[in-house]
Protein backbone atom coordinates (compact mmCIF):
# COMPACT_ATOMS: atom_id res chain seq x y z
CA UNK A 1 38.24 13.16 -53.67
CA UNK A 2 40.14 15.51 -52.01
CA UNK A 3 38.07 18.50 -50.10
CA UNK A 4 41.16 21.47 -50.08
CA UNK A 5 43.66 22.23 -51.55
CA UNK A 6 45.71 22.30 -49.28
CA UNK A 7 45.74 18.80 -48.65
CA UNK A 8 45.91 17.76 -52.11
CA UNK A 9 49.24 20.30 -52.34
CA UNK A 10 50.86 17.96 -49.88
CA UNK A 11 50.22 14.70 -51.04
CA UNK A 12 51.03 16.04 -54.83
CA UNK A 13 54.27 16.95 -53.58
CA UNK A 14 54.89 13.86 -51.93
CA UNK A 15 54.02 11.54 -54.74
CA UNK A 16 55.91 13.74 -57.45
CA UNK A 17 59.65 13.66 -54.80
CA UNK A 18 58.97 9.50 -55.23
CA UNK A 19 57.95 10.64 -59.44
CA UNK A 20 61.17 12.25 -59.84
CA UNK A 21 63.33 10.60 -57.69
CA UNK A 22 62.41 7.22 -59.62
CA UNK A 23 62.89 9.76 -63.79
CA UNK A 24 66.66 10.86 -61.39
CA UNK A 25 67.54 6.86 -61.85
CA UNK A 26 67.13 6.77 -65.05
CA UNK A 27 69.43 6.94 -68.22
CA UNK A 28 70.02 7.29 -71.46
CA UNK A 29 70.82 4.11 -72.62
CA UNK A 30 67.82 2.89 -70.31
CA UNK A 31 64.89 4.44 -72.03
CA UNK A 32 64.93 2.35 -75.20
CA UNK A 33 63.88 -0.30 -72.82
CA UNK A 34 60.41 -1.83 -73.60
CA UNK A 35 58.95 -5.35 -71.69
CA UNK A 36 58.13 -6.28 -75.41
CA UNK A 37 58.11 -4.90 -79.21
CA UNK A 38 54.80 -3.21 -79.66
CA UNK A 39 54.68 -1.97 -75.33
CA UNK A 40 55.33 1.77 -74.94
CA UNK A 41 59.16 1.81 -73.66
CA UNK A 42 60.48 3.33 -70.53
CA UNK A 43 61.28 6.88 -72.18
CA UNK A 44 58.00 7.06 -73.39
CA UNK A 45 56.76 6.19 -70.20
CA UNK A 46 58.50 8.81 -68.55
CA UNK A 47 57.06 11.50 -71.31
CA UNK A 48 53.36 9.72 -70.60
CA UNK A 49 54.06 10.92 -66.81
CA UNK A 50 55.48 14.29 -67.73
CA UNK A 51 53.09 15.01 -70.70
CA UNK A 52 49.71 14.05 -69.07
CA UNK A 53 49.75 16.46 -66.45
CA UNK A 54 49.09 18.95 -68.89
CA UNK A 55 45.29 17.46 -69.21
CA UNK A 56 44.67 19.08 -66.46
CA UNK A 57 44.19 21.89 -68.40
CA UNK A 58 40.88 20.38 -68.79
CA UNK A 59 39.53 20.88 -65.09
CA UNK A 60 39.82 24.85 -66.60
CA UNK A 61 43.08 25.03 -65.02
CA UNK A 62 45.52 27.31 -67.00
CA UNK A 63 49.70 26.64 -67.02
CA UNK A 64 52.48 25.93 -69.36
CA UNK A 65 52.35 22.38 -70.97
CA UNK A 66 55.05 20.15 -71.33
CA UNK A 67 55.73 20.78 -75.04
CA UNK A 68 55.34 19.25 -78.66
CA UNK A 69 56.67 16.22 -79.90
CA UNK A 70 56.30 12.62 -77.46
CA UNK A 71 59.76 12.62 -75.41
CA UNK A 72 61.54 10.70 -77.89
CA UNK A 73 65.16 11.55 -78.38
CA UNK A 74 65.38 13.35 -74.80
CA UNK A 75 67.76 12.57 -72.70
CA UNK A 76 67.05 11.19 -69.55
CA UNK A 77 68.05 14.38 -67.43
CA UNK A 78 66.42 16.66 -70.06
CA UNK A 79 62.81 13.89 -68.85
CA UNK A 80 63.73 14.25 -64.96
CA UNK A 81 63.73 18.13 -65.19
CA UNK A 82 60.93 18.06 -67.60
CA UNK A 83 58.74 16.81 -64.63
CA UNK A 84 59.73 19.05 -62.09
CA UNK A 85 59.06 21.98 -64.01
CA UNK A 86 55.18 20.89 -65.01
CA UNK A 87 54.79 19.72 -61.64
CA UNK A 88 55.70 23.21 -60.23
CA UNK A 89 53.18 24.75 -62.75
CA UNK A 90 51.00 22.08 -62.62
CA UNK A 91 50.53 22.99 -58.43
CA UNK A 92 51.65 26.68 -58.88
CA UNK A 93 48.43 27.06 -61.00
CA UNK A 94 46.06 24.76 -58.34
CA UNK A 95 47.29 27.27 -55.75
CA UNK A 96 46.36 30.99 -57.45
CA UNK A 97 43.05 29.67 -60.01
CA UNK A 98 41.24 27.54 -57.29
CA UNK A 99 39.65 27.49 -54.01
CA UNK A 100 38.49 24.82 -52.16
CA UNK A 101 35.21 25.22 -53.68
CA UNK A 102 36.86 24.37 -57.23
CA UNK A 103 37.48 20.81 -55.92
CA UNK A 104 33.49 19.99 -55.88
CA UNK A 105 32.92 21.77 -59.58
CA UNK A 106 31.89 18.86 -61.55
CA UNK A 107 33.89 18.39 -65.67
CA UNK A 108 33.03 15.83 -68.30
CA UNK A 109 35.37 13.44 -69.01
CA UNK A 110 35.11 11.12 -71.31
CA UNK A 111 31.59 11.33 -71.16
CA UNK A 112 31.06 11.36 -67.54
CA UNK A 113 31.00 14.02 -64.45
CA UNK A 114 33.88 14.26 -62.67
CA UNK A 115 34.63 15.92 -59.68
CA UNK A 116 37.77 18.29 -60.12
CA UNK A 117 38.55 16.61 -56.59
CA UNK A 118 38.13 12.83 -57.64
CA UNK A 119 40.05 14.46 -61.02
CA UNK A 120 42.72 14.35 -58.98
CA UNK A 121 43.06 11.46 -57.00
CA UNK A 122 42.67 9.88 -60.30
CA UNK A 123 46.28 11.76 -61.33
CA UNK A 124 47.68 10.19 -58.32
CA UNK A 125 46.85 7.28 -58.94
CA UNK A 126 47.76 7.65 -62.72
CA UNK A 127 51.33 8.46 -61.00
CA UNK A 128 51.10 5.44 -59.22
CA UNK A 129 50.10 2.79 -61.45
CA UNK A 130 53.26 3.83 -64.57
CA UNK A 131 55.47 4.28 -62.16
CA UNK A 132 55.01 0.60 -60.84
CA UNK A 133 55.18 -0.08 -64.80
CA UNK A 134 58.69 2.06 -65.08
CA UNK A 135 60.32 0.13 -61.55
CA UNK A 136 60.04 -3.33 -63.72
CA UNK A 137 61.67 -1.98 -66.73
CA UNK A 138 64.29 -0.14 -65.18
CA UNK A 139 65.25 -3.79 -62.85
CA UNK A 140 65.08 -5.21 -66.54
CA UNK A 141 67.63 -2.70 -67.75
CA UNK A 142 69.97 -2.67 -65.12
CA UNK A 143 69.10 -0.10 -62.95
CA UNK A 144 67.83 0.28 -59.41
CA UNK A 145 64.98 1.50 -59.22
CA UNK A 146 63.95 3.55 -55.72
CA UNK A 147 61.82 2.96 -52.83
CA UNK A 148 58.82 4.60 -52.93
CA UNK A 149 56.67 2.83 -50.63
CA UNK A 150 58.75 0.61 -49.35
CA UNK A 151 62.34 0.29 -49.47
CA UNK A 152 63.71 -1.94 -52.38
CA UNK A 153 64.82 -5.06 -52.52
CA UNK A 154 68.93 -4.20 -52.40
CA UNK A 155 67.64 -1.82 -49.00
CA UNK A 156 66.99 -5.11 -47.35
CA UNK A 157 70.12 -6.94 -48.02
CA UNK A 158 72.40 -3.67 -47.80
CA UNK A 159 70.22 -3.36 -44.07
CA UNK A 160 71.66 -6.88 -43.03
CA UNK A 161 67.96 -8.33 -43.22
CA UNK A 162 66.19 -11.23 -45.36
CA UNK A 163 64.28 -9.62 -47.87
CA UNK A 164 61.10 -11.49 -48.81
CA UNK A 165 61.76 -12.69 -53.03
């Protein structure tokens, strides 16, 4: 759980930079990549990351969402820009509408009472979870994912080190 808005914003901005960098790597062609037929495509996952931020409105925040639709027929560049835009609106809303005291407020989510601080932590973990899924699909689509929490395989090779396979 977060105890201060400042701490959350610092962590969100660090994580959002990684998410935006990952989205910047996508190509229009890669968006249709899926691991199996009945699962989300890479584009679906990208849109899910964007659209899921607007559900933070359920915590009492007020900011403009990602828009209508499901993200299909959107260009890779538009997805990356859309993510940056909603992420900025989300952070602005927290900083303008909440104080540190709001982090301990409890909101019922799926039949359970969650503190806002716990919900913010979940939002961060949710993004990390889907970034991981996206890196697998990106490799299958022939893209090089950026290093997120450490160097990518190719970075190790370029630095003359033996990567662990």
